[in-house]
Amino acid sequence: MRLLVRLTPKARRDAVLGLKPTASGGMELAVSVTAVPEKGRANTALLKLLAKRLGVAAGLLRLAAGETDRHKQVALAGAAAEWRQRLDAWLAAEAICDDEGSVT
């Protein structure tokens, strides 16, 4: 399973900002990190932040696409159904999900 992310580096704070629409009509998770986009620092900070917020080991997440782009794809190791359930619960708890309480 892959999670679409729009990363803003050099931000004031590390934060998950919510789900935002993409130009293609999909949704992506907006995330900011204080790390600079040099030598993979912002990407590493993104993976650490997501792992911490999701309560999983950082090794379960890897950057699958977008190494030098703001738009990233984060691969989630394991069963898609389990991740979907975990993400739905996490987004609902964070109050950053859609009106039905589900990841879109």
Protein backbone atom coordinates (compact mmCIF):
# COMPACT_ATOMS: atom_id res chain seq x y z
CA MET A 1 0.00 0.00 0.00
CA ARG A 2 1.22 3.53 -0.69
CA LEU A 3 0.41 6.76 1.07
CA LEU A 4 0.48 9.94 -1.03
CA VAL A 5 2.12 12.85 0.78
CA ARG A 6 2.81 16.50 0.02
CA LEU A 7 5.86 17.46 2.05
CA THR A 8 6.81 20.99 3.05
CA PRO A 9 10.41 21.12 4.32
CA LYS A 10 11.99 23.94 6.36
CA ALA A 11 8.71 24.51 8.21
CA ARG A 12 8.30 26.00 11.68
CA ARG A 13 7.37 22.62 13.13
CA ASP A 14 6.96 18.97 12.30
CA ALA A 15 3.25 18.39 11.73
CA VAL A 16 0.63 16.39 9.89
CA LEU A 17 -1.64 19.08 8.48
CA GLY A 18 -4.46 16.99 7.03
CA LEU A 19 -5.79 15.57 3.81
CA LYS A 20 -5.63 17.90 0.82
CA PRO A 21 -7.01 17.47 -2.72
CA THR A 22 -4.57 16.86 -5.55
CA ALA A 23 -4.71 18.34 -9.04
CA SER A 24 -5.80 14.95 -10.38
CA GLY A 25 -8.81 14.78 -8.05
CA GLY A 26 -7.28 12.44 -5.46
CA MET A 27 -6.20 13.16 -1.92
CA GLU A 28 -2.79 13.39 -0.29
CA LEU A 29 -1.61 13.89 3.25
CA ALA A 30 -0.04 17.31 3.84
CA VAL A 31 2.99 17.11 6.13
CA SER A 32 5.54 19.68 7.22
CA VAL A 33 8.97 19.08 8.70
CA THR A 34 11.64 21.41 10.04
CA ALA A 35 14.41 19.52 8.25
CA VAL A 36 16.02 20.99 5.15
CA PRO A 37 15.62 19.27 1.77
CA GLU A 38 19.31 18.44 1.51
CA LYS A 39 20.93 15.00 1.47
CA GLY A 40 17.57 13.33 2.17
CA ARG A 41 17.13 15.01 5.56
CA ALA A 42 13.53 16.10 4.92
CA ASN A 43 12.62 12.64 3.60
CA THR A 44 14.13 10.98 6.66
CA ALA A 45 12.25 13.40 8.93
CA LEU A 46 9.01 12.61 7.06
CA LEU A 47 9.38 8.87 7.58
CA LYS A 48 10.28 9.29 11.26
CA LEU A 49 7.31 11.62 11.85
CA LEU A 50 4.84 9.31 10.13
CA ALA A 51 6.17 6.26 11.99
CA LYS A 52 5.91 8.08 15.31
CA ARG A 53 2.40 9.37 14.65
CA LEU A 54 1.21 5.97 13.39
CA GLY A 55 2.88 4.14 16.27
CA VAL A 56 4.87 1.79 14.04
CA ALA A 57 8.53 1.03 13.49
CA ALA A 58 10.17 3.35 10.97
CA GLY A 59 11.38 0.27 9.10
CA LEU A 60 7.81 -0.42 7.97
CA LEU A 61 7.82 2.81 5.93
CA ARG A 62 10.01 3.65 2.97
CA LEU A 63 10.05 6.37 0.37
CA ALA A 64 8.82 4.73 -2.84
CA ALA A 65 8.73 7.80 -5.10
CA GLY A 66 9.36 11.53 -5.02
CA GLU A 67 12.84 11.68 -3.53
CA THR A 68 13.43 15.23 -4.83
CA ASP A 69 9.79 16.28 -5.26
CA ARG A 70 7.32 17.73 -2.75
CA HIS A 71 4.85 15.04 -3.78
CA LYS A 72 5.93 11.72 -2.27
CA GLN A 73 4.74 8.15 -2.20
CA VAL A 74 5.44 6.33 1.05
CA ALA A 75 5.28 2.53 0.82
CA LEU A 76 3.73 0.83 3.82
CA ALA A 77 5.04 -2.70 4.42
CA GLY A 78 2.41 -5.28 5.33
CA ALA A 79 -1.21 -6.08 4.55
CA ALA A 80 -3.17 -3.28 2.89
CA ALA A 81 -6.32 -4.04 4.91
CA GLU A 82 -4.44 -3.65 8.20
CA TRP A 83 -2.90 -0.37 7.04
CA ARG A 84 -6.26 0.95 5.85
CA GLN A 85 -7.78 0.18 9.26
CA ARG A 86 -4.82 1.76 11.08
CA LEU A 87 -4.90 4.87 8.87
CA ASP A 88 -8.67 5.30 9.23
CA ALA A 89 -8.40 5.11 13.04
CA TRP A 90 -5.39 7.45 13.11
CA LEU A 91 -6.95 10.06 10.83
CA ALA A 92 -10.22 9.98 12.76
CA ALA A 93 -8.34 10.46 16.04
CA GLU A 94 -6.37 13.32 14.51
CA ALA A 95 -9.59 14.83 13.10
CA ILE A 96 -8.06 15.04 9.62
CA CYS A 97 -10.36 12.66 7.77
CA ASP A 98 -13.33 13.21 5.49
CA ASP A 99 -16.91 13.61 6.69
CA GLU A 100 -17.51 9.85 6.72
CA GLY A 101 -14.48 9.23 8.94
CA SER A 102 -12.52 7.44 6.27
CA VAL A 103 -9.33 7.96 4.30
CA THR A 104 -10.25 8.87 0.73
